[in-house]
Protein backbone atom coordinates (compact mmCIF):
# COMPACT_ATOMS: atom_id res chain seq x y z
CA MET A 1 19.58 48.66 29.92
CA ILE A 2 22.90 49.95 31.22
CA ASN A 3 25.86 49.51 28.90
CA SER A 4 28.87 47.85 30.42
CA ILE A 5 32.40 46.84 29.64
CA SER A 6 32.61 43.52 31.42
CA SER A 7 36.10 42.33 30.58
CA PHE A 8 39.40 44.14 30.51
CA ASN A 9 40.88 42.43 27.48
CA LYS A 10 41.19 42.96 23.71
CA GLU A 11 40.28 46.61 22.94
CA ASN A 12 39.69 47.19 26.67
CA PHE A 13 42.99 45.69 27.83
CA PHE A 14 44.18 49.21 28.70
CA LEU A 15 41.87 48.97 31.75
CA SER A 16 43.68 45.89 33.04
CA ASN A 17 46.32 46.08 35.75
CA PHE A 18 48.41 43.90 33.42
CA LYS A 19 48.74 46.76 30.89
CA LEU A 20 52.38 47.81 30.93
CA CYS A 21 52.74 51.39 32.19
CA GLU A 22 55.26 52.83 34.57
CA VAL A 23 54.00 53.58 38.07
CA THR A 24 55.81 54.39 41.30
CA TYR A 25 55.29 52.93 44.74
CA GLU A 26 57.35 54.27 47.64
CA GLU A 27 59.89 55.88 45.31
CA GLU A 28 60.48 52.74 43.22
CA LYS A 29 59.34 52.40 39.62
CA TYR A 30 57.35 49.37 38.46
CA LYS A 31 56.39 48.08 35.00
CA SER A 32 52.66 47.84 35.71
CA VAL A 33 50.00 48.47 38.32
CA GLU A 34 50.04 44.72 39.01
CA HIS A 35 53.79 44.74 39.74
CA ALA A 36 53.47 47.68 42.14
CA TYR A 37 50.33 46.37 43.82
CA VAL A 38 51.97 43.00 44.52
CA ALA A 39 55.09 44.76 45.83
CA ALA A 40 52.96 46.83 48.19
CA LYS A 41 51.74 43.64 49.85
CA THR A 42 55.06 43.38 51.67
CA THR A 43 57.43 45.75 53.44
CA ASP A 44 60.43 43.53 52.65
CA LEU A 45 62.65 45.47 50.23
CA LYS A 46 64.35 42.36 48.78
CA THR A 47 60.96 40.84 47.97
CA ARG A 48 59.90 44.11 46.34
CA GLU A 49 63.06 44.10 44.23
CA THR A 50 62.30 40.55 43.11
CA ILE A 51 58.81 41.65 42.06
CA ARG A 52 60.18 44.73 40.28
CA ASN A 53 62.42 42.49 38.18
CA PHE A 54 59.69 40.19 36.88
CA GLU A 55 59.21 40.63 33.13
CA THR A 56 55.44 40.25 33.13
CA PRO A 57 52.57 41.24 35.39
CA ALA A 58 51.44 37.59 35.36
CA GLU A 59 54.73 36.53 36.95
CA ALA A 60 54.33 39.23 39.60
CA LYS A 61 50.76 38.14 40.34
CA LYS A 62 51.72 34.48 40.63
CA PHE A 63 54.60 35.34 42.97
CA GLY A 64 52.29 37.56 45.01
CA ARG A 65 50.12 34.61 45.96
CA GLN A 66 52.96 33.13 48.02
CA ILE A 67 54.29 36.16 49.89
CA GLU A 68 53.36 36.88 53.48
CA LEU A 69 51.05 39.88 53.58
CA ARG A 70 51.98 42.90 55.65
CA ASP A 71 49.90 43.30 58.82
CA ASP A 72 48.01 46.38 57.61
CA TRP A 73 47.28 45.06 54.11
CA ASP A 74 43.51 44.85 54.42
CA LYS A 75 43.42 48.44 55.69
CA ILE A 76 45.56 49.93 52.91
CA LYS A 77 44.96 47.85 49.77
CA LEU A 78 42.11 49.97 48.39
CA ASN A 79 44.12 53.17 48.81
CA VAL A 80 47.20 51.55 47.27
CA MET A 81 45.18 50.47 44.23
CA GLU A 82 43.54 53.87 43.82
CA ASN A 83 46.89 55.66 44.02
CA LEU A 84 48.41 53.37 41.39
CA LEU A 85 45.42 53.74 39.06
CA ARG A 86 45.53 57.54 39.43
CA GLN A 87 49.15 57.40 38.25
CA LYS A 88 48.27 55.13 35.33
CA PHE A 89 45.39 57.34 34.19
CA HIS A 90 46.95 60.71 35.00
CA ARG A 91 45.35 63.75 33.42
CA GLY A 92 46.60 64.46 29.93
CA SER A 93 47.83 60.93 29.28
CA GLU A 94 46.74 58.73 26.38
CA LEU A 95 45.37 56.22 28.88
CA ALA A 96 43.29 58.92 30.57
CA GLN A 97 41.85 59.86 27.17
CA LYS A 98 40.94 56.22 26.54
CA LEU A 99 39.38 55.91 29.99
CA MET A 100 37.23 59.01 29.41
CA LYS A 101 35.97 57.49 26.14
CA THR A 102 34.33 54.73 28.21
CA TRP A 103 31.88 57.31 29.61
CA GLY A 104 28.36 55.87 29.68
CA TYR A 105 29.59 52.36 30.41
CA ASP A 106 29.77 50.58 33.73
CA LEU A 107 33.28 49.19 34.10
CA ILE A 108 33.15 45.66 35.44
CA GLU A 109 36.25 43.60 36.04
CA GLY A 110 34.57 40.37 34.99
CA ASN A 111 36.63 37.27 35.62
CA ASN A 112 36.46 33.52 35.82
CA TRP A 113 39.12 33.06 38.50
CA GLY A 114 36.89 33.83 41.49
CA ASP A 115 37.93 37.40 42.30
CA ILE A 116 34.83 38.86 43.92
CA PHE A 117 36.68 41.68 45.70
CA TRP A 118 38.22 43.52 42.74
CA GLY A 119 35.79 42.17 40.17
CA ILE A 120 32.72 40.07 39.51
CA CYS A 121 32.69 36.33 38.96
CA ASP A 122 29.55 34.33 38.20
CA GLY A 123 27.43 37.43 38.82
CA LYS A 124 28.82 38.04 42.30
CA GLY A 125 31.35 40.54 43.51
CA LYS A 126 32.14 44.00 44.82
CA ASN A 127 33.92 45.19 41.65
CA TYR A 128 36.17 47.61 43.53
CA LEU A 129 38.53 47.87 40.55
CA GLY A 130 35.69 48.93 38.28
CA LYS A 131 34.37 51.38 40.89
CA ILE A 132 37.76 53.06 41.31
CA LEU A 133 38.18 53.34 37.53
CA MET A 134 34.72 54.90 37.17
CA ARG A 135 35.48 57.40 39.96
CA ILE A 136 38.76 58.41 38.31
CA ARG A 137 37.00 58.65 34.93
CA GLY A 138 34.33 60.94 36.38
CA GLU A 139 36.95 63.20 37.94
CA LEU A 140 38.88 63.36 34.66
CA ILE A 141 35.73 64.29 32.75
CA MET A 142 34.70 66.91 35.30
CA GLY A 143 38.23 68.32 35.16
CA GLU A 144 37.99 68.55 31.37
CA LYS A 145 34.76 70.55 31.72
CA ASP A 146 36.45 72.92 34.19
CA VAL A 147 39.29 73.50 31.73
CA LYS A 148 36.93 74.26 28.84
CA GLN A 149 34.85 76.84 30.75
């Protein structure tokens, strides 16, 4: 049986996009991956500023449900997420170390809110968030091996 981490809460909350960590999107700093990801959904700078000023990732996510998506959103959203996660788990960071310690586990963004694009709900979903995290983890681990040789 394959071991998995199937929820990004409690001791695995660091995997969540709600974990506070500074990331940058188009030269602006955000409090979390969630803040920056929601801001990337629009090209309107005033809307992005509003998102940047939300205290919590939950507020940003809620607000993000009501903004008009940019025309190219479906084409760029995977790349946006990967870029933000690469910042969050940059080599040498504490979060990168924690991510590498999940080696041997499938990372599954299990949820009960119906997100079958980024995660898995009721056994269905593409789990793109988990896949990106596992790819970054593998690259970090391979990079560590290169450094040690």
